[in-house]
Amino acid sequence: MEKLKAIFLKVFTRETILYLLFGVLTTVVNLVSFKLFDLLLGGEVYLLSNVIAWVLAVSFAFWANKVFVFESKKWTFDILKKEIPAFFGARIGSFVIEEGGLWLFVSILHFGEKTFNFLIVQLSGKMTAKLIIGVIVVIINYVVSKFWIFKNSR
C-alpha cells in the first residue's frame, strides 16, 4: 500500500494536477469555440471552425501553462521569442493529429451523422470526436511542454 501511495504522490504532483485542470479549461475553450464557429460558419466548414478554435485554445493554453503550470516567470523578449514559437510549433504537431482525427471521425467514420450519450448529456458526433481527440492531445502536449518548451525557464 505504501508503494501505491508513493507512486500516486509522484504522479499527481501540483504540476500535473494544474496541468490537468488547465488542460480541461483549454479543452472547454476549444470545444465552445468550435461549437460557436461551427454554428456561425455552417457545419460544412467544420475544419475551418476547428482551426479558429485551435488558435484560441492554444493562446489560452500558452498563458495558463507559462504562468500557473510550469511557473515560467521570465517574460523578457529573449525568452518569449523562444517559448512562443516552440509552444505553438509543438502544438502544430498535435493540431495535425486533431485536424486529421476530426476529419477521420467526421468524414470517413461519419460521426457527424450520429449522436452520443455521455452521462446526462447528448453530444453530436463532431463534439464526441473533438472530445476523444482532445484527451489524446492533452497527454501529448503535457509531455512536450514539460520536457521541451518550459524546461529551462523555471
C-alpha atoms as a PDB file:
ATOM      1  CA  MET A   1       0.000   0.000   0.000  1.00  0.00           C
ATOM      2  CA  GLU A   2       2.884   2.361   0.741  1.00  0.00           C
ATOM      3  CA  LYS A   3       4.293   1.750  -2.745  1.00  0.00           C
ATOM      4  CA  LEU A   4       0.965   2.669  -4.325  1.00  0.00           C
ATOM      5  CA  LYS A   5       0.799   5.819  -2.227  1.00  0.00           C
ATOM      6  CA  ALA A   6       4.351   6.765  -3.249  1.00  0.00           C
ATOM      7  CA  ILE A   7       3.554   6.210  -6.925  1.00  0.00           C
ATOM      8  CA  PHE A   8       0.340   8.220  -6.608  1.00  0.00           C
ATOM      9  CA  LEU A   9       2.162  11.129  -4.940  1.00  0.00           C
ATOM     10  CA  LYS A  10       4.893  11.030  -7.571  1.00  0.00           C
ATOM     11  CA  VAL A  11       2.428  11.066 -10.476  1.00  0.00           C
ATOM     12  CA  PHE A  12      -0.114  13.518  -9.045  1.00  0.00           C
ATOM     13  CA  THR A  13       2.098  16.462  -8.221  1.00  0.00           C
ATOM     14  CA  ARG A  14       0.979  20.079  -8.055  1.00  0.00           C
ATOM     15  CA  GLU A  15       2.226  20.464 -11.622  1.00  0.00           C
ATOM     16  CA  THR A  16       0.296  17.520 -13.063  1.00  0.00           C
ATOM     17  CA  ILE A  17      -2.891  18.482 -11.243  1.00  0.00           C
ATOM     18  CA  LEU A  18      -2.641  22.075 -12.510  1.00  0.00           C
ATOM     19  CA  TYR A  19      -1.842  20.825 -15.996  1.00  0.00           C
ATOM     20  CA  LEU A  20      -4.925  18.612 -15.946  1.00  0.00           C
ATOM     21  CA  LEU A  21      -7.066  21.495 -14.648  1.00  0.00           C
ATOM     22  CA  PHE A  22      -5.835  23.920 -17.301  1.00  0.00           C
ATOM     23  CA  GLY A  23      -5.955  21.145 -19.887  1.00  0.00           C
ATOM     24  CA  VAL A  24      -9.644  20.756 -19.103  1.00  0.00           C
ATOM     25  CA  LEU A  25     -10.149  24.537 -19.311  1.00  0.00           C
ATOM     26  CA  THR A  26      -8.237  24.657 -22.608  1.00  0.00           C
ATOM     27  CA  THR A  27     -10.416  21.845 -23.897  1.00  0.00           C
ATOM     28  CA  VAL A  28     -13.508  23.816 -22.851  1.00  0.00           C
ATOM     29  CA  VAL A  29     -12.200  26.880 -24.737  1.00  0.00           C
ATOM     30  CA  ASN A  30     -11.567  24.634 -27.742  1.00  0.00           C
ATOM     31  CA  LEU A  31     -14.954  22.889 -27.645  1.00  0.00           C
ATOM     32  CA  VAL A  32     -17.012  26.044 -27.020  1.00  0.00           C
ATOM     33  CA  SER A  33     -15.121  27.970 -29.717  1.00  0.00           C
ATOM     34  CA  PHE A  34     -15.519  25.079 -32.149  1.00  0.00           C
ATOM     35  CA  LYS A  35     -19.252  24.825 -31.492  1.00  0.00           C
ATOM     36  CA  LEU A  36     -19.698  28.591 -31.814  1.00  0.00           C
ATOM     37  CA  PHE A  37     -17.792  28.838 -35.095  1.00  0.00           C
ATOM     38  CA  ASP A  38     -19.370  25.642 -36.413  1.00  0.00           C
ATOM     39  CA  LEU A  39     -22.772  27.295 -35.901  1.00  0.00           C
ATOM     40  CA  LEU A  40     -21.669  30.693 -37.265  1.00  0.00           C
ATOM     41  CA  LEU A  41     -19.828  29.383 -40.328  1.00  0.00           C
ATOM     42  CA  GLY A  42     -22.041  26.423 -41.075  1.00  0.00           C
ATOM     43  CA  GLY A  43     -21.350  22.780 -40.407  1.00  0.00           C
ATOM     44  CA  GLU A  44     -19.789  22.070 -43.796  1.00  0.00           C
ATOM     45  CA  VAL A  45     -16.619  24.010 -42.951  1.00  0.00           C
ATOM     46  CA  TYR A  46     -16.040  22.257 -39.637  1.00  0.00           C
ATOM     47  CA  LEU A  47     -12.280  22.029 -40.266  1.00  0.00           C
ATOM     48  CA  LEU A  48     -12.067  25.850 -40.526  1.00  0.00           C
ATOM     49  CA  SER A  49     -14.053  26.130 -37.281  1.00  0.00           C
ATOM     50  CA  ASN A  50     -11.512  23.768 -35.765  1.00  0.00           C
ATOM     51  CA  VAL A  51      -8.584  25.967 -36.900  1.00  0.00           C
ATOM     52  CA  ILE A  52     -10.106  29.051 -35.248  1.00  0.00           C
ATOM     53  CA  ALA A  53     -10.913  27.114 -32.070  1.00  0.00           C
ATOM     54  CA  TRP A  54      -7.362  25.735 -32.005  1.00  0.00           C
ATOM     55  CA  VAL A  55      -5.790  29.219 -32.219  1.00  0.00           C
ATOM     56  CA  LEU A  56      -7.947  30.481 -29.348  1.00  0.00           C
ATOM     57  CA  ALA A  57      -7.340  27.396 -27.213  1.00  0.00           C
ATOM     58  CA  VAL A  58      -3.569  27.330 -27.769  1.00  0.00           C
ATOM     59  CA  SER A  59      -3.285  31.039 -26.954  1.00  0.00           C
ATOM     60  CA  PHE A  60      -5.111  30.411 -23.674  1.00  0.00           C
ATOM     61  CA  ALA A  61      -3.005  27.297 -23.013  1.00  0.00           C
ATOM     62  CA  PHE A  62       0.279  29.173 -23.527  1.00  0.00           C
ATOM     63  CA  TRP A  63      -0.637  31.771 -20.939  1.00  0.00           C
ATOM     64  CA  ALA A  64      -2.008  29.209 -18.438  1.00  0.00           C
ATOM     65  CA  ASN A  65       0.935  26.834 -18.811  1.00  0.00           C
ATOM     66  CA  LYS A  66       3.520  29.577 -18.584  1.00  0.00           C
ATOM     67  CA  VAL A  67       2.010  31.302 -15.573  1.00  0.00           C
ATOM     68  CA  PHE A  68       0.383  28.568 -13.498  1.00  0.00           C
ATOM     69  CA  VAL A  69       1.585  25.118 -14.501  1.00  0.00           C
ATOM     70  CA  PHE A  70       5.293  25.428 -15.243  1.00  0.00           C
ATOM     71  CA  GLU A  71       5.713  28.771 -13.430  1.00  0.00           C
ATOM     72  CA  SER A  72       7.916  30.238 -16.108  1.00  0.00           C
ATOM     73  CA  LYS A  73       8.474  33.644 -14.525  1.00  0.00           C
ATOM     74  CA  LYS A  74      10.527  35.277 -17.255  1.00  0.00           C
ATOM     75  CA  TRP A  75       8.629  37.490 -19.711  1.00  0.00           C
ATOM     76  CA  THR A  76      11.599  39.034 -21.494  1.00  0.00           C
ATOM     77  CA  PHE A  77      11.634  39.292 -25.248  1.00  0.00           C
ATOM     78  CA  ASP A  78      14.512  36.790 -25.459  1.00  0.00           C
ATOM     79  CA  ILE A  79      12.543  34.170 -23.505  1.00  0.00           C
ATOM     80  CA  LEU A  80       9.236  34.797 -25.297  1.00  0.00           C
ATOM     81  CA  LYS A  81      10.836  34.653 -28.737  1.00  0.00           C
ATOM     82  CA  LYS A  82      11.887  31.096 -27.856  1.00  0.00           C
ATOM     83  CA  GLU A  83       8.838  29.938 -25.873  1.00  0.00           C
ATOM     84  CA  ILE A  84       6.049  31.193 -28.136  1.00  0.00           C
ATOM     85  CA  PRO A  85       7.306  29.616 -31.382  1.00  0.00           C
ATOM     86  CA  ALA A  86       8.262  26.431 -29.505  1.00  0.00           C
ATOM     87  CA  PHE A  87       4.846  26.234 -27.832  1.00  0.00           C
ATOM     88  CA  PHE A  88       2.854  26.922 -30.988  1.00  0.00           C
ATOM     89  CA  GLY A  89       5.238  24.786 -33.057  1.00  0.00           C
ATOM     90  CA  ALA A  90       4.766  21.820 -30.740  1.00  0.00           C
ATOM     91  CA  ARG A  91       1.038  22.392 -30.776  1.00  0.00           C
ATOM     92  CA  ILE A  92       1.055  22.320 -34.574  1.00  0.00           C
ATOM     93  CA  GLY A  93       2.009  18.669 -34.293  1.00  0.00           C
ATOM     94  CA  SER A  94      -0.931  17.991 -32.025  1.00  0.00           C
ATOM     95  CA  PHE A  95      -3.111  20.196 -34.261  1.00  0.00           C
ATOM     96  CA  VAL A  96      -2.312  17.908 -37.192  1.00  0.00           C
ATOM     97  CA  ILE A  97      -3.415  14.976 -35.030  1.00  0.00           C
ATOM     98  CA  GLU A  98      -6.589  16.860 -34.063  1.00  0.00           C
ATOM     99  CA  GLU A  99      -7.452  18.047 -37.562  1.00  0.00           C
ATOM    100  CA  GLY A 100      -6.680  14.638 -39.081  1.00  0.00           C
ATOM    101  CA  GLY A 101      -8.596  12.836 -36.336  1.00  0.00           C
ATOM    102  CA  LEU A 102     -11.583  15.137 -36.730  1.00  0.00           C
ATOM    103  CA  TRP A 103     -11.594  14.575 -40.488  1.00  0.00           C
ATOM    104  CA  LEU A 104     -11.296  10.807 -39.942  1.00  0.00           C
ATOM    105  CA  PHE A 105     -14.143  10.680 -37.423  1.00  0.00           C
ATOM    106  CA  VAL A 106     -16.497  13.048 -39.269  1.00  0.00           C
ATOM    107  CA  SER A 107     -15.819  12.467 -42.955  1.00  0.00           C
ATOM    108  CA  ILE A 108     -14.678   8.846 -43.024  1.00  0.00           C
ATOM    109  CA  LEU A 109     -16.381   7.255 -39.996  1.00  0.00           C
ATOM    110  CA  HIS A 110     -19.459   9.525 -40.390  1.00  0.00           C
ATOM    111  CA  PHE A 111     -19.601  10.640 -36.745  1.00  0.00           C
ATOM    112  CA  GLY A 112     -21.179  13.872 -37.996  1.00  0.00           C
ATOM    113  CA  GLU A 113     -24.374  11.942 -38.648  1.00  0.00           C
ATOM    114  CA  LYS A 114     -24.540  10.419 -35.165  1.00  0.00           C
ATOM    115  CA  THR A 115     -25.255  11.497 -31.617  1.00  0.00           C
ATOM    116  CA  PHE A 116     -23.764  10.006 -28.470  1.00  0.00           C
ATOM    117  CA  ASN A 117     -24.997   9.970 -24.886  1.00  0.00           C
ATOM    118  CA  PHE A 118     -22.447  10.732 -22.167  1.00  0.00           C
ATOM    119  CA  LEU A 119     -23.806  10.574 -18.641  1.00  0.00           C
ATOM    120  CA  ILE A 120     -26.638  13.111 -18.790  1.00  0.00           C
ATOM    121  CA  VAL A 121     -25.718  14.961 -21.984  1.00  0.00           C
ATOM    122  CA  GLN A 122     -26.170  14.143 -25.616  1.00  0.00           C
ATOM    123  CA  LEU A 123     -23.314  15.175 -27.898  1.00  0.00           C
ATOM    124  CA  SER A 124     -23.144  15.438 -31.649  1.00  0.00           C
ATOM    125  CA  GLY A 125     -20.709  13.202 -33.443  1.00  0.00           C
ATOM    126  CA  LYS A 126     -18.427  16.165 -34.150  1.00  0.00           C
ATOM    127  CA  MET A 127     -18.284  17.114 -30.470  1.00  0.00           C
ATOM    128  CA  THR A 128     -17.733  13.484 -29.481  1.00  0.00           C
ATOM    129  CA  ALA A 129     -14.833  13.265 -31.920  1.00  0.00           C
ATOM    130  CA  LYS A 130     -13.376  16.532 -30.588  1.00  0.00           C
ATOM    131  CA  LEU A 131     -13.610  15.201 -27.035  1.00  0.00           C
ATOM    132  CA  ILE A 132     -11.923  11.872 -27.813  1.00  0.00           C
ATOM    133  CA  ILE A 133      -9.144  13.551 -29.764  1.00  0.00           C
ATOM    134  CA  GLY A 134      -8.814  16.228 -27.071  1.00  0.00           C
ATOM    135  CA  VAL A 135      -7.851  13.658 -24.432  1.00  0.00           C
ATOM    136  CA  ILE A 136      -5.081  12.317 -26.654  1.00  0.00           C
ATOM    137  CA  VAL A 137      -3.839  15.818 -27.462  1.00  0.00           C
ATOM    138  CA  VAL A 138      -3.717  16.915 -23.793  1.00  0.00           C
ATOM    139  CA  ILE A 139      -1.433  13.994 -22.937  1.00  0.00           C
ATOM    140  CA  ILE A 140       0.891  14.666 -25.874  1.00  0.00           C
ATOM    141  CA  ASN A 141       1.015  18.391 -25.105  1.00  0.00           C
ATOM    142  CA  TYR A 142       1.905  17.837 -21.444  1.00  0.00           C
ATOM    143  CA  VAL A 143       4.927  15.730 -22.307  1.00  0.00           C
ATOM    144  CA  VAL A 144       6.133  18.201 -24.941  1.00  0.00           C
ATOM    145  CA  SER A 145       5.605  21.239 -22.664  1.00  0.00           C
ATOM    146  CA  LYS A 146       7.290  19.711 -19.641  1.00  0.00           C
ATOM    147  CA  PHE A 147      10.332  18.240 -21.315  1.00  0.00           C
ATOM    148  CA  TRP A 148      10.948  20.643 -24.162  1.00  0.00           C
ATOM    149  CA  ILE A 149       9.281  24.068 -24.019  1.00  0.00           C
ATOM    150  CA  PHE A 150       9.364  25.229 -20.392  1.00  0.00           C
ATOM    151  CA  LYS A 151      12.229  23.077 -19.098  1.00  0.00           C
ATOM    152  CA  ASN A 152      14.821  25.864 -18.881  1.00  0.00           C
ATOM    153  CA  SER A 153      12.761  28.887 -17.893  1.00  0.00           C
ATOM    154  CA  ARG A 154      11.542  27.917 -14.423  1.00  0.00           C
END
